[in-house]
């Protein structure tokens, strides 16, 4: 399966991102997403399930829009999830990979 957004695509993003985030595609900066091609810890992820923990706090599952990458689970209250922007639209689709 091909990723939803092809490499080389031009996309429109909006920041700041308002809540709720469920099922929206966001650009996140997270240590587990370091990509040498992007010169930093950035990734496009779909905000998936949010889970309230018994001892307090919320866990968020971020699923990749590219099936080759595993989901990331983060604690929302620990500032562990810097959301940079939300994907608004793909303006120009890049060449096939």
Foldseek 3Di string as FASTA:
>chain_A
DAQPAAPPWDFDWDPDDDDDQAQFWFWKFAPVQDDPVVVGRIAIWTWHDWDADPVGFIKIWTHHSGVVDHIDIDTPVVVRIHTDTTTDGGPGGDDHD
